Protein backbone atom coordinates (compact mmCIF):
# COMPACT_ATOMS: atom_id res chain seq x y z
CA MET A 1 4.13 50.69 -54.44
CA ARG A 2 1.30 51.69 -52.91
CA ILE A 3 0.90 47.88 -51.70
CA SER A 4 4.50 47.44 -50.71
CA ARG A 5 4.11 50.57 -48.47
CA LEU A 6 1.43 48.77 -46.90
CA LEU A 7 2.68 45.68 -46.68
CA LEU A 8 5.27 47.27 -44.42
CA ILE A 9 2.87 49.39 -42.35
CA ILE A 10 0.64 45.78 -41.42
CA ALA A 11 4.67 44.45 -40.77
CA ALA A 12 5.31 46.96 -37.86
CA VAL A 13 1.73 46.83 -36.63
CA ALA A 14 1.81 43.47 -35.80
CA LEU A 15 5.64 43.03 -34.89
CA CYS A 16 4.37 46.45 -32.40
CA VAL A 17 1.55 43.71 -31.30
CA SER A 18 3.67 40.95 -30.92
CA CYS A 19 6.00 42.72 -28.86
CA SER A 20 3.08 44.29 -26.57
CA ASP A 21 1.28 40.73 -26.08
CA LYS A 22 5.16 39.59 -25.16
CA LYS A 23 5.77 42.19 -22.64
CA GLU A 24 2.28 41.83 -21.30
CA LYS A 25 3.23 38.20 -20.58
CA GLN A 26 6.07 38.63 -19.07
CA GLU A 27 4.57 41.60 -16.34
CA VAL A 28 1.96 38.83 -15.38
CA ILE A 29 2.91 38.52 -11.94
CA PRO A 30 0.79 36.00 -9.30
CA LEU A 31 -0.52 37.00 -6.52
CA VAL A 32 0.48 34.49 -3.89
CA LYS A 33 -0.73 34.08 0.41
CA THR A 34 2.07 33.67 2.25
CA GLN A 35 3.13 32.57 6.09
CA VAL A 36 5.94 32.95 8.18
CA VAL A 37 7.00 29.65 10.09
CA GLY A 38 7.47 30.34 13.74
CA ASP A 39 9.38 28.80 16.21
CA ALA A 40 9.97 25.32 16.63
CA ALA A 41 7.87 23.17 18.88
CA SER A 42 9.98 20.50 20.74
CA THR A 43 6.41 18.40 21.49
CA LEU A 44 5.28 16.29 19.32
CA VAL A 45 1.36 15.44 18.44
CA HIS A 46 0.17 13.05 15.86
CA GLU A 47 -3.71 12.29 15.40
CA PHE A 48 -5.14 9.21 14.07
CA PRO A 49 -8.63 7.94 13.31
CA GLY A 50 -9.04 5.12 16.50
CA ARG A 51 -11.85 2.47 17.08
CA VAL A 52 -13.19 1.25 20.26
CA LYS A 53 -12.88 -2.27 20.79
CA ALA A 54 -13.86 -5.11 23.38
CA SER A 55 -10.86 -6.25 24.78
CA LYS A 56 -11.96 -9.87 23.68
CA ASP A 57 -13.94 -9.69 20.46
CA VAL A 58 -14.08 -14.01 19.54
CA GLY A 59 -15.70 -16.42 17.41
CA VAL A 60 -16.90 -19.67 19.68
CA SER A 61 -17.50 -22.50 18.10
CA PHE A 62 -17.48 -27.16 19.10
CA LYS A 63 -14.65 -29.24 19.06
CA VAL A 64 -16.71 -31.62 17.40
CA ALA A 65 -19.18 -31.82 14.47
CA GLY A 66 -22.85 -32.56 14.50
CA THR A 67 -26.15 -31.51 14.71
CA ILE A 68 -26.96 -27.96 17.04
CA GLN A 69 -29.97 -28.81 19.15
CA LYS A 70 -29.86 -25.95 20.98
CA ILE A 71 -28.46 -22.38 21.42
CA LEU A 72 -29.70 -20.97 24.95
CA LEU A 73 -28.72 -17.43 24.67
CA LYS A 74 -29.96 -14.52 21.83
CA GLU A 75 -27.82 -11.45 20.89
CA GLY A 76 -27.59 -9.20 23.34
CA ASP A 77 -27.91 -11.29 26.37
CA SER A 78 -24.98 -11.54 29.00
CA PHE A 79 -23.04 -14.42 30.36
CA ARG A 80 -20.52 -15.56 32.83
CA LYS A 81 -17.12 -17.73 32.67
CA GLY A 82 -18.13 -21.12 32.59
CA GLN A 83 -21.71 -20.91 31.37
CA VAL A 84 -22.66 -23.19 28.92
CA LEU A 85 -24.29 -21.40 25.67
CA ALA A 86 -25.26 -23.93 22.95
CA ILE A 87 -25.58 -27.62 22.88
CA MET A 88 -24.77 -30.04 20.28
CA ASP A 89 -27.41 -33.12 19.86
CA PRO A 90 -24.97 -35.79 22.05
CA LYS A 91 -26.60 -38.92 20.99
CA ASP A 92 -23.64 -40.24 18.52
CA TYR A 93 -21.24 -39.31 20.96
CA GLN A 94 -23.58 -41.19 23.62
CA LEU A 95 -23.06 -44.02 21.76
CA GLN A 96 -19.78 -44.17 21.70
CA PHE A 97 -18.68 -42.91 25.07
CA ASN A 98 -21.14 -46.47 26.08
CA ALA A 99 -18.79 -48.33 24.11
CA ALA A 100 -15.64 -47.05 24.91
CA LYS A 101 -16.66 -47.04 28.77
CA ALA A 102 -17.76 -50.71 28.69
CA GLN A 103 -14.52 -51.87 26.44
CA TYR A 104 -12.13 -49.69 29.15
CA GLU A 105 -13.87 -51.40 32.38
CA GLN A 106 -13.71 -55.01 30.73
CA VAL A 107 -9.61 -54.25 29.45
CA LYS A 108 -9.01 -52.89 33.15
CA ALA A 109 -10.27 -55.68 35.03
CA GLN A 110 -8.50 -58.28 32.74
CA ALA A 111 -5.15 -56.72 33.48
CA ASN A 112 -5.43 -56.15 36.86
CA ARG A 113 -5.86 -59.75 36.76
CA VAL A 114 -2.50 -60.21 35.25
CA ILE A 115 -0.99 -57.44 36.90
CA ASN A 116 -1.77 -59.23 40.28
CA LEU A 117 -0.35 -62.53 39.30
CA TYR A 118 2.57 -60.95 37.57
CA ALA A 119 3.33 -59.79 41.33
CA ASP A 120 2.89 -63.51 42.48
CA SER A 121 5.24 -64.35 40.15
CA VAL A 122 2.57 -66.31 38.49
CA VAL A 123 2.95 -65.14 34.97
CA SER A 124 5.36 -63.97 32.61
CA ALA A 125 7.01 -60.74 31.79
CA ASP A 126 5.63 -60.63 28.67
CA LYS A 127 1.88 -61.18 29.70
CA TYR A 128 2.46 -58.40 31.95
CA ASP A 129 3.53 -55.62 29.09
CA GLN A 130 0.42 -57.01 27.47
CA ALA A 131 -1.78 -56.17 29.94
CA ARG A 132 -0.15 -52.62 30.96
CA TYR A 133 -0.21 -51.79 27.46
CA GLY A 134 -3.19 -52.76 26.53
CA LEU A 135 -4.85 -50.97 29.60
CA GLU A 136 -3.10 -47.57 28.57
CA GLN A 137 -4.43 -48.43 25.07
CA VAL A 138 -8.27 -48.44 26.30
CA THR A 139 -7.83 -45.76 28.70
CA ALA A 140 -6.52 -43.33 25.87
CA LYS A 141 -9.89 -43.94 23.79
CA TYR A 142 -11.90 -43.78 26.50
CA GLU A 143 -11.15 -40.67 27.71
CA PHE A 144 -11.24 -38.73 23.86
CA ALA A 145 -14.66 -40.56 23.88
CA LYS A 146 -15.27 -39.11 27.52
CA ASN A 147 -14.09 -35.25 25.74
CA GLN A 148 -16.22 -35.58 22.91
CA LEU A 149 -19.05 -35.95 24.45
CA GLU A 150 -18.33 -33.17 27.30
CA ASP A 151 -17.38 -30.91 23.73
CA CYS A 152 -21.17 -31.54 22.54
CA LYS A 153 -21.09 -28.23 25.43
CA LEU A 154 -20.28 -24.95 23.87
CA VAL A 155 -18.66 -23.04 27.53
CA ALA A 156 -18.36 -19.34 27.53
CA PRO A 157 -14.66 -18.84 27.94
CA PHE A 158 -14.65 -15.41 29.59
CA ASP A 159 -17.64 -13.42 30.80
CA GLY A 160 -19.47 -11.34 28.20
CA PHE A 161 -22.44 -10.72 25.96
CA VAL A 162 -23.15 -12.32 22.68
CA HIS A 163 -22.35 -10.23 20.07
CA LYS A 164 -23.91 -12.35 16.78
CA ARG A 165 -25.81 -15.71 16.45
CA TYR A 166 -24.38 -17.26 13.23
CA PHE A 167 -26.41 -20.42 13.11
CA GLU A 168 -29.76 -21.74 14.93
CA SER A 169 -30.48 -24.76 16.21
CA GLY A 170 -31.40 -27.70 13.69
CA THR A 171 -28.12 -26.81 11.79
CA ASN A 172 -25.34 -29.09 10.44
CA VAL A 173 -22.06 -27.76 11.71
CA ALA A 174 -18.32 -28.84 11.16
CA ALA A 175 -15.91 -28.77 14.35
CA GLY A 176 -14.38 -25.52 14.21
CA MET A 177 -16.77 -23.44 12.63
CA PRO A 178 -18.07 -20.18 14.63
CA VAL A 179 -21.48 -20.65 16.12
CA MET A 180 -21.04 -17.04 17.55
CA SER A 181 -19.27 -14.20 18.10
CA ILE A 182 -18.89 -12.83 21.86
CA ILE A 183 -17.21 -9.82 23.18
CA SER A 184 -15.71 -9.35 26.42
CA GLY A 185 -17.77 -7.13 29.42
CA GLY A 186 -15.79 -4.73 31.09
CA ALA A 187 -13.65 -1.78 30.00
CA PRO A 188 -13.06 -1.60 26.55
CA GLU A 189 -10.08 -0.94 24.11
CA VAL A 190 -9.02 1.85 21.60
CA GLU A 191 -7.60 0.41 18.26
CA ILE A 192 -5.44 2.85 15.80
CA GLU A 193 -2.90 2.00 13.20
CA ILE A 194 0.39 4.24 12.45
CA PRO A 195 3.02 3.99 9.64
CA ALA A 196 6.36 2.99 10.09
CA LYS A 197 8.25 6.54 10.73
CA VAL A 198 5.69 6.57 13.75
CA LEU A 199 6.83 3.40 14.77
CA ASP A 200 10.57 4.23 15.10
CA MET A 201 9.96 6.92 17.29
CA LYS A 202 7.80 4.39 19.69
CA ASN A 203 10.41 5.00 22.50
CA ASN A 204 9.46 8.48 22.73
CA PHE A 205 5.86 7.51 23.06
CA ALA A 206 4.54 10.37 26.00
CA SER A 207 0.88 10.33 26.38
CA PHE A 208 -2.18 8.93 24.22
CA THR A 209 -5.71 11.12 24.40
CA ALA A 210 -8.77 10.84 22.68
CA LYS A 211 -11.81 12.69 22.83
CA PHE A 212 -15.64 10.88 23.45
CA ASN A 213 -19.01 12.02 23.52
CA TYR A 214 -19.70 11.49 27.11
CA SER A 215 -17.06 13.45 28.50
CA GLU A 216 -15.85 16.83 27.46
CA GLU A 217 -12.12 16.80 28.58
CA PRO A 218 -9.96 14.26 26.76
CA VAL A 219 -9.80 10.83 28.14
CA ALA A 220 -6.05 9.46 28.69
CA LEU A 221 -5.26 6.50 27.14
CA ARG A 222 -2.53 3.68 27.97
CA LEU A 223 -0.35 1.98 25.63
CA ILE A 224 -1.13 -2.20 25.79
CA SER A 225 0.97 -3.04 23.18
CA ILE A 226 2.31 -2.69 19.58
CA SER A 227 2.30 -4.95 16.75
CA PRO A 228 5.29 -5.64 15.66
CA LYS A 229 3.67 -6.84 12.24
CA ALA A 230 2.38 -4.68 9.21
CA ASN A 231 -1.20 -5.42 8.21
CA SER A 232 -2.15 -5.41 4.54
CA ASN A 233 -2.25 -1.80 4.50
CA GLN A 234 1.33 -1.54 5.33
CA LEU A 235 0.63 0.06 9.22
CA TYR A 236 1.04 -0.80 12.69
CA PRO A 237 -1.59 -1.89 15.09
CA ILE A 238 -1.73 -0.43 18.66
CA ARG A 239 -4.24 -1.53 21.48
CA LEU A 240 -4.67 0.82 24.16
CA SER A 241 -6.52 0.92 27.35
CA ILE A 242 -9.18 3.56 28.27
CA ASP A 243 -8.50 5.37 32.05
CA SER A 244 -11.55 6.13 33.67
CA LYS A 245 -12.19 7.70 36.58
CA ASP A 246 -15.85 7.81 36.93
CA GLY A 247 -16.33 4.02 35.70
CA LYS A 248 -17.80 5.19 31.62
CA TYR A 249 -16.53 3.61 29.12
CA PRO A 250 -17.36 3.99 25.49
CA THR A 251 -19.43 1.56 23.53
CA PRO A 252 -17.33 -0.98 21.19
CA GLY A 253 -17.67 0.34 17.61
CA MET A 254 -17.80 3.94 18.33
CA ASN A 255 -15.04 5.90 16.33
CA THR A 256 -12.70 8.40 17.50
CA MET A 257 -9.28 10.76 16.98
CA VAL A 258 -6.00 9.48 18.95
CA LYS A 259 -3.84 12.13 19.58
CA VAL A 260 0.16 10.46 19.81
CA ASN A 261 2.45 12.66 22.19
CA PHE A 262 5.84 12.55 22.95
CA LYS A 263 8.51 14.79 23.74
CA SER A 264 11.73 15.21 23.19
CA ALA A 265 14.80 17.20 22.59
CA ASP A 266 15.79 15.82 19.26
CA PHE A 267 12.11 16.40 17.33
CA GLU A 268 11.25 19.86 15.98
CA GLN A 269 8.25 20.21 14.05
CA TYR A 270 6.55 23.30 12.62
CA SER A 271 2.91 23.85 11.91
CA ILE A 272 1.48 25.46 8.97
CA PRO A 273 -1.27 25.32 6.30
CA SER A 274 -1.59 21.88 4.83
CA THR A 275 -2.67 23.48 1.36
CA ALA A 276 0.95 25.14 1.37
CA LEU A 277 1.50 21.31 0.73
CA PHE A 278 1.81 20.13 -3.18
CA SER A 279 3.69 17.23 -5.26
CA GLU A 280 4.44 16.36 -8.80
CA ALA A 281 3.61 13.74 -11.10
CA GLY A 282 5.40 10.80 -10.81
CA ASP A 283 7.05 11.66 -7.72
CA ASP A 284 5.94 10.42 -3.86
CA ARG A 285 7.53 13.68 -1.99
CA THR A 286 6.20 16.15 -0.36
CA TYR A 287 6.92 19.96 -1.15
CA VAL A 288 6.39 23.43 -0.22
CA TRP A 289 7.42 26.51 -2.42
CA LEU A 290 9.89 29.04 -0.27
CA ILE A 291 9.92 32.80 -1.20
CA SER A 292 13.48 34.39 -1.51
CA ALA A 293 14.82 37.28 0.83
CA ASP A 294 14.10 39.71 -2.28
CA ASN A 295 9.47 38.13 -1.25
CA VAL A 296 9.80 37.99 -5.44
CA VAL A 297 11.81 34.79 -6.60
CA ILE A 298 10.62 31.28 -5.37
CA ARG A 299 12.28 28.38 -5.10
CA LYS A 300 11.21 24.34 -4.29
CA ARG A 301 11.93 22.89 -0.40
CA GLU A 302 11.30 18.87 0.23
CA VAL A 303 9.68 18.92 3.78
CA ILE A 304 8.58 15.42 6.03
CA VAL A 305 4.54 15.66 6.70
CA SER A 306 4.72 14.00 10.32
CA ALA A 307 0.87 14.77 10.91
CA LEU A 308 -1.97 16.29 8.78
CA HIS A 309 -5.05 17.86 11.28
CA THR A 310 -8.36 18.23 10.97
CA ASN A 311 -8.26 21.72 11.81
CA GLY A 312 -6.21 22.31 7.92
CA THR A 313 -2.76 22.14 9.55
CA ALA A 314 0.22 20.02 8.84
CA ASP A 315 3.19 19.16 10.95
CA ILE A 316 6.41 19.53 8.88
CA SER A 317 9.17 17.37 10.88
CA LEU A 318 12.09 17.79 8.33
CA GLY A 319 12.71 20.92 6.10
CA LEU A 320 11.84 24.14 7.57
CA GLU A 321 13.09 26.38 9.58
CA SER A 322 12.25 29.08 11.68
CA GLY A 323 11.62 32.14 9.61
CA ASN A 324 11.28 30.56 6.41
CA VAL A 325 8.17 32.10 4.12
CA VAL A 326 5.86 29.43 3.12
CA ILE A 327 3.33 30.25 -0.22
CA THR A 328 0.28 28.73 1.33
CA ALA A 329 -2.21 29.30 -1.50
CA GLY A 330 -2.12 28.65 -5.30
CA VAL A 331 0.54 26.33 -5.14
CA HIS A 332 -0.23 24.42 -8.17
CA GLN A 333 -0.23 27.33 -10.37
CA LEU A 334 3.67 27.90 -9.49
CA HIS A 335 7.14 26.89 -10.68
CA GLU A 336 10.96 27.25 -9.57
CA GLY A 337 12.07 30.89 -9.96
CA GLN A 338 8.98 32.32 -10.83
CA LYS A 339 8.64 35.73 -9.45
CA VAL A 340 5.46 36.55 -7.58
CA GLN A 341 3.33 39.21 -6.04
CA VAL A 342 2.81 38.82 -2.20
CA LEU A 343 -0.69 39.91 -1.84
CA LYS A 344 -1.22 41.62 1.78
CA GLU A 345 -3.15 40.79 4.57
CA THR A 346 -6.60 42.86 5.31
CA SER A 347 -6.62 45.40 7.92
CA PRO A 348 -9.66 44.10 9.84
CA THR A 349 -10.67 47.63 10.06
CA ASN A 350 -10.68 47.56 6.19
CA VAL A 351 -12.73 44.62 5.11
CA GLY A 352 -13.68 44.21 1.24
CA SER A 353 -10.28 46.94 0.93
CA LEU A 354 -12.87 49.87 0.46
CA LEU A 355 -10.76 52.26 2.59
């Protein structure tokens, strides 16, 4: 009898503890930080990493194969358009040219005699045609040999600088194999890469700016071209020229951040902390948590992010409205319909909540 009473008491105590634990679990309401979405901005700003490049950056090569006799410039040297950069050993091509020239002069003399005799009606039309076609054929061989001999000199296609030498004198190279890399002088360019969703808005581009270490103010950029073909990263390269009022330019190879600005009444963007964004496993879409009207229940909202900034903010072009209350901290620990408690902002005169 005593054992039965003891068992009943233990069961009652366990039931009370279980109910108490369940009640405590139900009453655990997470604290969250929030931000009220302000008015929409009519100017969109996208920021992309950019790289300064020479307007022309090419690898120059001989049109013929052979042994490099001499490279006339070293890395960093400047040159002018038409200047000889390197010379290939011309001996073999000189011999070919001499042979072709001798044959050309011989056939030309014979053909001229036949042509003159044909004019006097001394030879037949067949002899005339043979002489004329033979002269054309040997002339082509002569011009080809002459061009090959001239191609033993590597000539600069524009003004610029030697960026890198790939070979030294005495090296055998094939035709078309780059011997050195050269870059153009003058104003460099900036290249950025944009995704397809920004490319779709190219007709609304208003301006481009970049920040460089030689200028305290943003430097204006001008659009040169937009590639219609995506690269391996599915991004579209954009070339931008640099507007310089004082003649100062960044050097090729420098990195910068480029702001793409465009304005249209069709666009509305909202700025929120990037910590408010989250994605779910197996879902490539982006979401935020919104507080309901009673400030205690949350709901998920899909958004479209137009830009992420280095200052920790994100621009939202679709999914939010002015007045929405967005959760900005602890978003990965929440679920749909969960009750939350909004953390009150600390007063500037009560740091640490000591008062």
